[in-house]
């Protein structure tokens, strides 16, 4: 596969690696971006564990809670200007409320708002506002107590990051602190049992390759891997992370002190995994002039 300058640029931005290292990684992995990131990590050349996909889509995440049920929805727009539009925000708020009566995105599209299905409501908004929009995601959670939190709210109940936390025991004030932690730290799972096995195995293979690069005996390598995997799981699981409110204890320990058990969480951030095409400003102006 031909390795392009754009591919090298993307890998460099994702890992902080040098140009030649990025090109070599892509060559060694036949242009597979994820494999190239792992190759660089194995060689100790990735300066940071950055995501290979940049978050760039605009829009809002809105949350709604009723009793022991909470929902979060993401509605995308082309520009942040529209995300700040009052009509767009009102639509997103109504969609989040409607989501309380749906099980998934496809079901939500059929839920009625003012006599029209959500899908039609969005289509009408596209025609009126003149910008493409999409209902991208929905997440739902239930529990004895469900608390929502929106980071940097653009309007009540909506912003760029929306979080829901479900738990038993404790109180809403503690649940809100946990939700703030989730917004800030972005854990991958609640605990070790909830981590995707494929994700764990992928990391284990990377750590095996890194350890073997050291040239140490197999017995030492096994202990290295065991320690690194334990640290990895502690860093990505909510209950084992250092609590942002009090870094001297884990979230799990703080929950125990609060008489609470965290049973689940949801975190949606606008544009996760969507890459926005970047254009040179001069090219944008030229396009505008040409119409």
C-alpha atoms as a PDB file:
ATOM      1  CA  UNK A   1       0.000   0.000   0.000  1.00  0.00           C
ATOM      2  CA  UNK A   2       1.293   3.469  -0.882  1.00  0.00           C
ATOM      3  CA  UNK A   3       2.034   5.563   2.211  1.00  0.00           C
ATOM      4  CA  UNK A   4       0.879   9.146   1.636  1.00  0.00           C
ATOM      5  CA  UNK A   5       2.010  12.352   3.317  1.00  0.00           C
ATOM      6  CA  UNK A   6      -1.522  12.753   4.719  1.00  0.00           C
ATOM      7  CA  UNK A   7      -1.276   9.347   6.420  1.00  0.00           C
ATOM      8  CA  UNK A   8       2.087  10.242   7.948  1.00  0.00           C
ATOM      9  CA  UNK A   9       0.684  13.579   9.152  1.00  0.00           C
ATOM     10  CA  UNK A  10      -2.329  11.880  10.762  1.00  0.00           C
ATOM     11  CA  UNK A  11      -0.138   9.343  12.572  1.00  0.00           C
ATOM     12  CA  UNK A  12       2.249  12.047  13.781  1.00  0.00           C
ATOM     13  CA  UNK A  13      -0.648  14.084  15.175  1.00  0.00           C
ATOM     14  CA  UNK A  14      -2.077  10.997  16.869  1.00  0.00           C
ATOM     15  CA  UNK A  15       1.159   9.875  18.532  1.00  0.00           C
ATOM     16  CA  UNK A  16       3.638  12.741  18.610  1.00  0.00           C
ATOM     17  CA  UNK A  17       6.157  10.554  16.769  1.00  0.00           C
ATOM     18  CA  UNK A  18       8.728  11.943  14.355  1.00  0.00           C
ATOM     19  CA  UNK A  19       8.106  12.026  10.602  1.00  0.00           C
ATOM     20  CA  UNK A  20      10.492   9.194   9.665  1.00  0.00           C
ATOM     21  CA  UNK A  21       9.302   7.023  12.570  1.00  0.00           C
ATOM     22  CA  UNK A  22       5.689   7.561  11.545  1.00  0.00           C
ATOM     23  CA  UNK A  23       6.475   6.680   7.922  1.00  0.00           C
ATOM     24  CA  UNK A  24       8.366   3.543   8.969  1.00  0.00           C
ATOM     25  CA  UNK A  25       5.495   2.464  11.250  1.00  0.00           C
ATOM     26  CA  UNK A  26       3.007   2.793   8.397  1.00  0.00           C
ATOM     27  CA  UNK A  27       5.319   0.946   6.030  1.00  0.00           C
ATOM     28  CA  UNK A  28       5.803  -1.898   8.516  1.00  0.00           C
ATOM     29  CA  UNK A  29       2.040  -2.223   9.054  1.00  0.00           C
ATOM     30  CA  UNK A  30       0.991  -1.775   5.414  1.00  0.00           C
ATOM     31  CA  UNK A  31      -0.806   1.491   6.149  1.00  0.00           C
ATOM     32  CA  UNK A  32      -2.963   0.179   9.027  1.00  0.00           C
ATOM     33  CA  UNK A  33      -3.290   3.249  11.264  1.00  0.00           C
ATOM     34  CA  UNK A  34      -4.184   1.410  14.500  1.00  0.00           C
ATOM     35  CA  UNK A  35      -1.447  -1.173  13.974  1.00  0.00           C
ATOM     36  CA  UNK A  36       1.009   1.655  13.277  1.00  0.00           C
ATOM     37  CA  UNK A  37       0.144   3.307  16.592  1.00  0.00           C
ATOM     38  CA  UNK A  38       0.802  -0.006  18.368  1.00  0.00           C
ATOM     39  CA  UNK A  39       4.075  -0.449  16.438  1.00  0.00           C
ATOM     40  CA  UNK A  40       5.272   2.962  17.612  1.00  0.00           C
ATOM     41  CA  UNK A  41       4.279   2.182  21.207  1.00  0.00           C
ATOM     42  CA  UNK A  42       6.202  -1.099  21.011  1.00  0.00           C
ATOM     43  CA  UNK A  43       9.303   0.789  19.917  1.00  0.00           C
ATOM     44  CA  UNK A  44       8.775   3.452  22.570  1.00  0.00           C
ATOM     45  CA  UNK A  45       8.305   6.092  19.887  1.00  0.00           C
ATOM     46  CA  UNK A  46       4.741   7.191  20.652  1.00  0.00           C
ATOM     47  CA  UNK A  47       5.055  10.200  22.925  1.00  0.00           C
ATOM     48  CA  UNK A  48       1.448  10.129  24.055  1.00  0.00           C
ATOM     49  CA  UNK A  49      -1.499   7.741  23.920  1.00  0.00           C
ATOM     50  CA  UNK A  50      -3.567  10.015  21.746  1.00  0.00           C
ATOM     51  CA  UNK A  51      -6.575   8.830  19.779  1.00  0.00           C
ATOM     52  CA  UNK A  52      -5.894   8.244  16.105  1.00  0.00           C
ATOM     53  CA  UNK A  53      -9.238   9.841  15.237  1.00  0.00           C
ATOM     54  CA  UNK A  54      -9.631  13.535  15.960  1.00  0.00           C
ATOM     55  CA  UNK A  55     -12.824  14.809  17.573  1.00  0.00           C
ATOM     56  CA  UNK A  56     -14.094  17.549  15.312  1.00  0.00           C
ATOM     57  CA  UNK A  57     -17.865  17.306  14.657  1.00  0.00           C
ATOM     58  CA  UNK A  58     -20.094  20.009  16.121  1.00  0.00           C
ATOM     59  CA  UNK A  59     -23.469  19.827  17.864  1.00  0.00           C
ATOM     60  CA  UNK A  60     -24.712  19.070  21.354  1.00  0.00           C
ATOM     61  CA  UNK A  61     -25.147  16.260  23.836  1.00  0.00           C
ATOM     62  CA  UNK A  62     -28.324  16.571  25.909  1.00  0.00           C
ATOM     63  CA  UNK A  63     -29.289  14.631  29.034  1.00  0.00           C
ATOM     64  CA  UNK A  64     -32.647  13.975  30.654  1.00  0.00           C
ATOM     65  CA  UNK A  65     -33.564  12.081  33.833  1.00  0.00           C
ATOM     66  CA  UNK A  66     -36.928  10.836  35.026  1.00  0.00           C
ATOM     67  CA  UNK A  67     -37.106   8.789  38.212  1.00  0.00           C
ATOM     68  CA  UNK A  68     -34.556   5.993  37.968  1.00  0.00           C
ATOM     69  CA  UNK A  69     -33.947   6.370  34.224  1.00  0.00           C
ATOM     70  CA  UNK A  70     -31.558   8.680  32.416  1.00  0.00           C
ATOM     71  CA  UNK A  71     -30.815   9.233  28.737  1.00  0.00           C
ATOM     72  CA  UNK A  72     -28.126  11.062  26.797  1.00  0.00           C
ATOM     73  CA  UNK A  73     -28.425  11.910  23.103  1.00  0.00           C
ATOM     74  CA  UNK A  74     -25.993  13.413  20.613  1.00  0.00           C
ATOM     75  CA  UNK A  75     -27.301  15.575  17.789  1.00  0.00           C
ATOM     76  CA  UNK A  76     -24.666  16.791  15.342  1.00  0.00           C
ATOM     77  CA  UNK A  77     -24.551  19.956  13.266  1.00  0.00           C
ATOM     78  CA  UNK A  78     -22.002  21.191  10.769  1.00  0.00           C
ATOM     79  CA  UNK A  79     -20.913  24.264  12.750  1.00  0.00           C
ATOM     80  CA  UNK A  80     -20.684  25.402  16.337  1.00  0.00           C
ATOM     81  CA  UNK A  81     -22.677  28.483  15.283  1.00  0.00           C
ATOM     82  CA  UNK A  82     -25.768  26.307  14.805  1.00  0.00           C
ATOM     83  CA  UNK A  83     -25.089  24.505  18.101  1.00  0.00           C
ATOM     84  CA  UNK A  84     -25.523  27.913  19.772  1.00  0.00           C
ATOM     85  CA  UNK A  85     -28.787  28.559  17.932  1.00  0.00           C
ATOM     86  CA  UNK A  86     -31.829  28.737  20.244  1.00  0.00           C
ATOM     87  CA  UNK A  87     -34.068  26.789  17.866  1.00  0.00           C
ATOM     88  CA  UNK A  88     -31.500  24.022  17.520  1.00  0.00           C
ATOM     89  CA  UNK A  89     -31.092  23.836  21.295  1.00  0.00           C
ATOM     90  CA  UNK A  90     -34.867  23.665  21.829  1.00  0.00           C
ATOM     91  CA  UNK A  91     -35.063  20.806  19.325  1.00  0.00           C
ATOM     92  CA  UNK A  92     -32.233  18.898  21.021  1.00  0.00           C
ATOM     93  CA  UNK A  93     -33.901  19.357  24.420  1.00  0.00           C
ATOM     94  CA  UNK A  94     -37.194  17.975  23.105  1.00  0.00           C
ATOM     95  CA  UNK A  95     -35.376  15.011  21.532  1.00  0.00           C
ATOM     96  CA  UNK A  96     -33.675  14.170  24.844  1.00  0.00           C
ATOM     97  CA  UNK A  97     -37.042  14.183  26.632  1.00  0.00           C
ATOM     98  CA  UNK A  98     -38.531  11.996  23.901  1.00  0.00           C
ATOM     99  CA  UNK A  99     -35.609   9.585  24.312  1.00  0.00           C
ATOM    100  CA  UNK A 100     -36.881   8.617  27.768  1.00  0.00           C
ATOM    101  CA  UNK A 101     -39.560   6.657  25.907  1.00  0.00           C
ATOM    102  CA  UNK A 102     -37.212   4.929  23.449  1.00  0.00           C
ATOM    103  CA  UNK A 103     -34.746   2.050  23.693  1.00  0.00           C
ATOM    104  CA  UNK A 104     -32.296   2.995  20.945  1.00  0.00           C
ATOM    105  CA  UNK A 105     -31.592   5.556  18.212  1.00  0.00           C
ATOM    106  CA  UNK A 106     -33.775   3.832  15.613  1.00  0.00           C
ATOM    107  CA  UNK A 107     -36.669   3.712  18.050  1.00  0.00           C
ATOM    108  CA  UNK A 108     -36.114   7.340  18.994  1.00  0.00           C
ATOM    109  CA  UNK A 109     -36.361   8.439  15.362  1.00  0.00           C
ATOM    110  CA  UNK A 110     -39.966   7.191  15.335  1.00  0.00           C
ATOM    111  CA  UNK A 111     -41.027   8.813  18.635  1.00  0.00           C
ATOM    112  CA  UNK A 112     -43.473  11.685  18.109  1.00  0.00           C
ATOM    113  CA  UNK A 113     -42.713  15.298  19.038  1.00  0.00           C
ATOM    114  CA  UNK A 114     -45.589  17.669  18.409  1.00  0.00           C
ATOM    115  CA  UNK A 115     -47.276  15.142  16.142  1.00  0.00           C
ATOM    116  CA  UNK A 116     -44.154  14.479  14.051  1.00  0.00           C
ATOM    117  CA  UNK A 117     -41.557  11.685  14.300  1.00  0.00           C
ATOM    118  CA  UNK A 118     -38.161  12.857  15.585  1.00  0.00           C
ATOM    119  CA  UNK A 119     -36.658  11.998  12.189  1.00  0.00           C
ATOM    120  CA  UNK A 120     -39.062  14.429  10.502  1.00  0.00           C
ATOM    121  CA  UNK A 121     -38.467  17.106  13.138  1.00  0.00           C
ATOM    122  CA  UNK A 122     -34.746  16.997  12.291  1.00  0.00           C
ATOM    123  CA  UNK A 123     -35.432  17.038   8.539  1.00  0.00           C
ATOM    124  CA  UNK A 124     -37.643  20.109   8.964  1.00  0.00           C
ATOM    125  CA  UNK A 125     -34.912  21.818  11.018  1.00  0.00           C
ATOM    126  CA  UNK A 126     -32.364  21.131   8.282  1.00  0.00           C
ATOM    127  CA  UNK A 127     -34.630  22.826   5.737  1.00  0.00           C
ATOM    128  CA  UNK A 128     -35.274  25.806   8.005  1.00  0.00           C
ATOM    129  CA  UNK A 129     -31.771  26.417   9.401  1.00  0.00           C
ATOM    130  CA  UNK A 130     -29.978  25.423   6.205  1.00  0.00           C
ATOM    131  CA  UNK A 131     -27.346  23.159   7.716  1.00  0.00           C
ATOM    132  CA  UNK A 132     -27.044  19.395   7.804  1.00  0.00           C
ATOM    133  CA  UNK A 133     -27.887  17.732  11.147  1.00  0.00           C
ATOM    134  CA  UNK A 134     -27.970  14.160  12.405  1.00  0.00           C
ATOM    135  CA  UNK A 135     -29.206  12.229  15.412  1.00  0.00           C
ATOM    136  CA  UNK A 136     -26.066  10.204  15.970  1.00  0.00           C
ATOM    137  CA  UNK A 137     -26.205   8.407  19.323  1.00  0.00           C
ATOM    138  CA  UNK A 138     -28.350   7.640  22.322  1.00  0.00           C
ATOM    139  CA  UNK A 139     -27.439   5.961  25.613  1.00  0.00           C
ATOM    140  CA  UNK A 140     -29.792   4.948  28.415  1.00  0.00           C
ATOM    141  CA  UNK A 141     -29.175   3.927  32.001  1.00  0.00           C
ATOM    142  CA  UNK A 142     -31.304   2.929  34.994  1.00  0.00           C
ATOM    143  CA  UNK A 143     -30.692   2.613  38.734  1.00  0.00           C
ATOM    144  CA  UNK A 144     -31.956   3.426  42.213  1.00  0.00           C
ATOM    145  CA  UNK A 145     -30.451   6.892  41.763  1.00  0.00           C
ATOM    146  CA  UNK A 146     -29.542   8.407  38.399  1.00  0.00           C
ATOM    147  CA  UNK A 147     -27.824  11.797  38.253  1.00  0.00           C
ATOM    148  CA  UNK A 148     -26.835  13.812  35.189  1.00  0.00           C
ATOM    149  CA  UNK A 149     -24.029  16.306  34.630  1.00  0.00           C
ATOM    150  CA  UNK A 150     -23.175  18.481  31.636  1.00  0.00           C
ATOM    151  CA  UNK A 151     -19.702  19.932  31.313  1.00  0.00           C
ATOM    152  CA  UNK A 152     -19.570  23.559  30.110  1.00  0.00           C
ATOM    153  CA  UNK A 153     -23.309  23.670  29.499  1.00  0.00           C
ATOM    154  CA  UNK A 154     -24.408  25.646  26.425  1.00  0.00           C
ATOM    155  CA  UNK A 155     -27.975  25.629  27.782  1.00  0.00           C
ATOM    156  CA  UNK A 156     -29.718  23.777  30.627  1.00  0.00           C
ATOM    157  CA  UNK A 157     -29.143  20.032  30.241  1.00  0.00           C
ATOM    158  CA  UNK A 158     -26.908  20.203  27.180  1.00  0.00           C
ATOM    159  CA  UNK A 159     -23.322  20.886  26.186  1.00  0.00           C
ATOM    160  CA  UNK A 160     -20.258  19.245  24.664  1.00  0.00           C
ATOM    161  CA  UNK A 161     -20.017  16.444  27.265  1.00  0.00           C
ATOM    162  CA  UNK A 162     -22.984  14.772  28.943  1.00  0.00           C
ATOM    163  CA  UNK A 163     -22.690  12.235  31.778  1.00  0.00           C
ATOM    164  CA  UNK A 164     -25.134   9.965  33.607  1.00  0.00           C
ATOM    165  CA  UNK A 165     -24.259   8.028  36.768  1.00  0.00           C
ATOM    166  CA  UNK A 166     -26.392   5.293  38.335  1.00  0.00           C
ATOM    167  CA  UNK A 167     -25.880   4.042  41.875  1.00  0.00           C
ATOM    168  CA  UNK A 168     -27.470   2.557  44.957  1.00  0.00           C
ATOM    169  CA  UNK A 169     -27.087   4.225  48.350  1.00  0.00           C
ATOM    170  CA  UNK A 170     -25.240   7.475  48.888  1.00  0.00           C
ATOM    171  CA  UNK A 171     -26.816  10.750  47.838  1.00  0.00           C
ATOM    172  CA  UNK A 172     -27.165  12.888  44.716  1.00  0.00           C
ATOM    173  CA  UNK A 173     -24.354  15.220  45.764  1.00  0.00           C
ATOM    174  CA  UNK A 174     -21.856  12.338  45.729  1.00  0.00           C
ATOM    175  CA  UNK A 175     -23.298  10.977  42.468  1.00  0.00           C
ATOM    176  CA  UNK A 176     -22.764  14.390  40.893  1.00  0.00           C
ATOM    177  CA  UNK A 177     -19.127  14.383  42.028  1.00  0.00           C
ATOM    178  CA  UNK A 178     -18.676  10.989  40.363  1.00  0.00           C
ATOM    179  CA  UNK A 179     -20.322  12.335  37.194  1.00  0.00           C
ATOM    180  CA  UNK A 180     -17.879  15.254  37.180  1.00  0.00           C
ATOM    181  CA  UNK A 181     -15.024  12.762  37.530  1.00  0.00           C
ATOM    182  CA  UNK A 182     -16.348  10.742  34.578  1.00  0.00           C
ATOM    183  CA  UNK A 183     -16.571  13.898  32.466  1.00  0.00           C
ATOM    184  CA  UNK A 184     -12.982  14.844  33.290  1.00  0.00           C
ATOM    185  CA  UNK A 185     -11.216  11.467  33.192  1.00  0.00           C
ATOM    186  CA  UNK A 186     -13.313   9.488  30.681  1.00  0.00           C
ATOM    187  CA  UNK A 187     -12.982   5.942  32.074  1.00  0.00           C
ATOM    188  CA  UNK A 188     -13.378   3.086  29.601  1.00  0.00           C
ATOM    189  CA  UNK A 189     -15.444   0.878  31.922  1.00  0.00           C
ATOM    190  CA  UNK A 190     -16.928   0.657  35.414  1.00  0.00           C
ATOM    191  CA  UNK A 191     -14.570  -2.084  36.648  1.00  0.00           C
ATOM    192  CA  UNK A 192     -12.257  -4.820  35.360  1.00  0.00           C
ATOM    193  CA  UNK A 193     -15.158  -7.189  34.638  1.00  0.00           C
ATOM    194  CA  UNK A 194     -16.759  -4.614  32.339  1.00  0.00           C
ATOM    195  CA  UNK A 195     -13.671  -3.979  30.182  1.00  0.00           C
ATOM    196  CA  UNK A 196     -13.899  -5.295  26.619  1.00  0.00           C
ATOM    197  CA  UNK A 197     -11.757  -8.495  26.530  1.00  0.00           C
ATOM    198  CA  UNK A 198     -10.499  -7.580  23.055  1.00  0.00           C
ATOM    199  CA  UNK A 199      -9.272  -4.234  24.399  1.00  0.00           C
ATOM    200  CA  UNK A 200      -7.429  -5.999  27.241  1.00  0.00           C
ATOM    201  CA  UNK A 201      -5.858  -8.554  24.908  1.00  0.00           C
ATOM    202  CA  UNK A 202      -4.708  -5.857  22.504  1.00  0.00           C
ATOM    203  CA  UNK A 203      -3.012  -3.955  25.319  1.00  0.00           C
ATOM    204  CA  UNK A 204      -1.459  -7.178  26.647  1.00  0.00           C
ATOM    205  CA  UNK A 205       0.094  -7.906  23.256  1.00  0.00           C
ATOM    206  CA  UNK A 206       1.494  -4.377  23.076  1.00  0.00           C
ATOM    207  CA  UNK A 207       2.991  -4.757  26.558  1.00  0.00           C
ATOM    208  CA  UNK A 208       4.472  -8.149  25.643  1.00  0.00           C
ATOM    209  CA  UNK A 209       6.180  -6.608  22.613  1.00  0.00           C
ATOM    210  CA  UNK A 210       7.429  -3.657  24.669  1.00  0.00           C
ATOM    211  CA  UNK A 211       8.790  -5.957  27.381  1.00  0.00           C
ATOM    212  CA  UNK A 212      10.559  -8.213  24.882  1.00  0.00           C
ATOM    213  CA  UNK A 213      12.239  -5.201  23.313  1.00  0.00           C
ATOM    214  CA  UNK A 214      14.033  -4.822  26.663  1.00  0.00           C
ATOM    215  CA  UNK A 215      15.827  -8.136  26.105  1.00  0.00           C
ATOM    216  CA  UNK A 216      15.170  -9.294  29.680  1.00  0.00           C
ATOM    217  CA  UNK A 217      14.553 -12.971  30.651  1.00  0.00           C
ATOM    218  CA  UNK A 218      11.036 -14.410  30.153  1.00  0.00           C
ATOM    219  CA  UNK A 219      10.489 -14.739  33.910  1.00  0.00           C
ATOM    220  CA  UNK A 220      11.176 -11.044  34.375  1.00  0.00           C
ATOM    221  CA  UNK A 221       9.063 -10.170  31.343  1.00  0.00           C
ATOM    222  CA  UNK A 222       6.057 -12.030  32.789  1.00  0.00           C
ATOM    223  CA  UNK A 223       6.260  -9.990  35.992  1.00  0.00           C
ATOM    224  CA  UNK A 224       6.663  -6.776  33.999  1.00  0.00           C
ATOM    225  CA  UNK A 225       3.560  -7.549  31.966  1.00  0.00           C
ATOM    226  CA  UNK A 226       1.546  -8.495  35.039  1.00  0.00           C
ATOM    227  CA  UNK A 227       2.424  -5.211  36.756  1.00  0.00           C
ATOM    228  CA  UNK A 228       1.791  -3.087  33.672  1.00  0.00           C
ATOM    229  CA  UNK A 229      -1.593  -4.715  32.985  1.00  0.00           C
ATOM    230  CA  UNK A 230      -2.656  -4.157  36.579  1.00  0.00           C
ATOM    231  CA  UNK A 231      -1.722  -0.495  36.240  1.00  0.00           C
ATOM    232  CA  UNK A 232      -3.473  -0.257  32.859  1.00  0.00           C
ATOM    233  CA  UNK A 233      -6.742  -1.665  34.220  1.00  0.00           C
ATOM    234  CA  UNK A 234      -6.582   0.649  37.234  1.00  0.00           C
ATOM    235  CA  UNK A 235      -6.158   3.651  34.944  1.00  0.00           C
ATOM    236  CA  UNK A 236      -9.110   2.868  32.651  1.00  0.00           C
ATOM    237  CA  UNK A 237     -11.711   1.564  35.156  1.00  0.00           C
ATOM    238  CA  UNK A 238     -13.843   4.064  37.065  1.00  0.00           C
ATOM    239  CA  UNK A 239     -13.829   2.421  40.502  1.00  0.00           C
ATOM    240  CA  UNK A 240     -10.024   2.053  40.458  1.00  0.00           C
ATOM    241  CA  UNK A 241      -9.145   5.555  39.252  1.00  0.00           C
ATOM    242  CA  UNK A 242      -7.836   8.232  41.608  1.00  0.00           C
ATOM    243  CA  UNK A 243     -10.872  10.377  42.467  1.00  0.00           C
ATOM    244  CA  UNK A 244     -10.509  13.882  41.020  1.00  0.00           C
ATOM    245  CA  UNK A 245     -12.267  15.296  44.089  1.00  0.00           C
ATOM    246  CA  UNK A 246      -9.740  13.599  46.382  1.00  0.00           C
ATOM    247  CA  UNK A 247      -6.805  11.986  44.515  1.00  0.00           C
ATOM    248  CA  UNK A 248      -5.648  10.263  47.717  1.00  0.00           C
ATOM    249  CA  UNK A 249      -8.390   7.655  47.308  1.00  0.00           C
ATOM    250  CA  UNK A 250      -9.976   5.746  44.467  1.00  0.00           C
ATOM    251  CA  UNK A 251     -13.500   6.382  43.234  1.00  0.00           C
ATOM    252  CA  UNK A 252     -14.471   2.975  44.613  1.00  0.00           C
ATOM    253  CA  UNK A 253     -13.094   3.815  48.063  1.00  0.00           C
ATOM    254  CA  UNK A 254     -14.871   7.174  48.030  1.00  0.00           C
ATOM    255  CA  UNK A 255     -18.131   5.428  47.115  1.00  0.00           C
ATOM    256  CA  UNK A 256     -17.706   3.023  50.020  1.00  0.00           C
ATOM    257  CA  UNK A 257     -17.142   5.936  52.405  1.00  0.00           C
ATOM    258  CA  UNK A 258     -20.302   7.579  51.010  1.00  0.00           C
ATOM    259  CA  UNK A 259     -22.319   4.390  51.511  1.00  0.00           C
ATOM    260  CA  UNK A 260     -22.839   4.082  47.774  1.00  0.00           C
ATOM    261  CA  UNK A 261     -22.328   1.470  45.065  1.00  0.00           C
ATOM    262  CA  UNK A 262     -21.849   2.780  41.536  1.00  0.00           C
ATOM    263  CA  UNK A 263     -23.789   0.506  39.188  1.00  0.00           C
ATOM    264  CA  UNK A 264     -23.149   2.173  35.849  1.00  0.00           C
ATOM    265  CA  UNK A 265     -22.314   5.326  33.918  1.00  0.00           C
ATOM    266  CA  UNK A 266     -22.687   6.885  30.491  1.00  0.00           C
ATOM    267  CA  UNK A 267     -20.438   9.527  28.935  1.00  0.00           C
ATOM    268  CA  UNK A 268     -21.074  11.063  25.522  1.00  0.00           C
ATOM    269  CA  UNK A 269     -18.851  13.742  24.020  1.00  0.00           C
ATOM    270  CA  UNK A 270     -19.789  15.615  20.878  1.00  0.00           C
ATOM    271  CA  UNK A 271     -18.007  14.298  17.808  1.00  0.00           C
ATOM    272  CA  UNK A 272     -16.174  11.356  19.384  1.00  0.00           C
ATOM    273  CA  UNK A 273     -14.664   9.323  16.574  1.00  0.00           C
ATOM    274  CA  UNK A 274     -15.753  11.694  13.809  1.00  0.00           C
ATOM    275  CA  UNK A 275     -12.966  13.304  11.826  1.00  0.00           C
ATOM    276  CA  UNK A 276     -13.717  16.668  10.284  1.00  0.00           C
ATOM    277  CA  UNK A 277     -12.019  17.464   7.007  1.00  0.00           C
ATOM    278  CA  UNK A 278      -9.490  20.232   7.478  1.00  0.00           C
ATOM    279  CA  UNK A 279      -9.025  22.748   4.714  1.00  0.00           C
ATOM    280  CA  UNK A 280      -6.518  25.477   4.106  1.00  0.00           C
ATOM    281  CA  UNK A 281      -8.072  28.878   4.875  1.00  0.00           C
ATOM    282  CA  UNK A 282      -6.970  30.272   1.500  1.00  0.00           C
ATOM    283  CA  UNK A 283      -8.667  27.332  -0.220  1.00  0.00           C
ATOM    284  CA  UNK A 284     -11.878  28.012   1.728  1.00  0.00           C
ATOM    285  CA  UNK A 285     -11.861  31.639   0.586  1.00  0.00           C
ATOM    286  CA  UNK A 286     -11.190  30.600  -3.008  1.00  0.00           C
ATOM    287  CA  UNK A 287     -14.129  28.188  -2.899  1.00  0.00           C
ATOM    288  CA  UNK A 288     -16.393  30.875  -1.488  1.00  0.00           C
ATOM    289  CA  UNK A 289     -15.409  33.307  -4.248  1.00  0.00           C
ATOM    290  CA  UNK A 290     -16.074  30.695  -6.925  1.00  0.00           C
ATOM    291  CA  UNK A 291     -19.473  29.998  -5.334  1.00  0.00           C
END
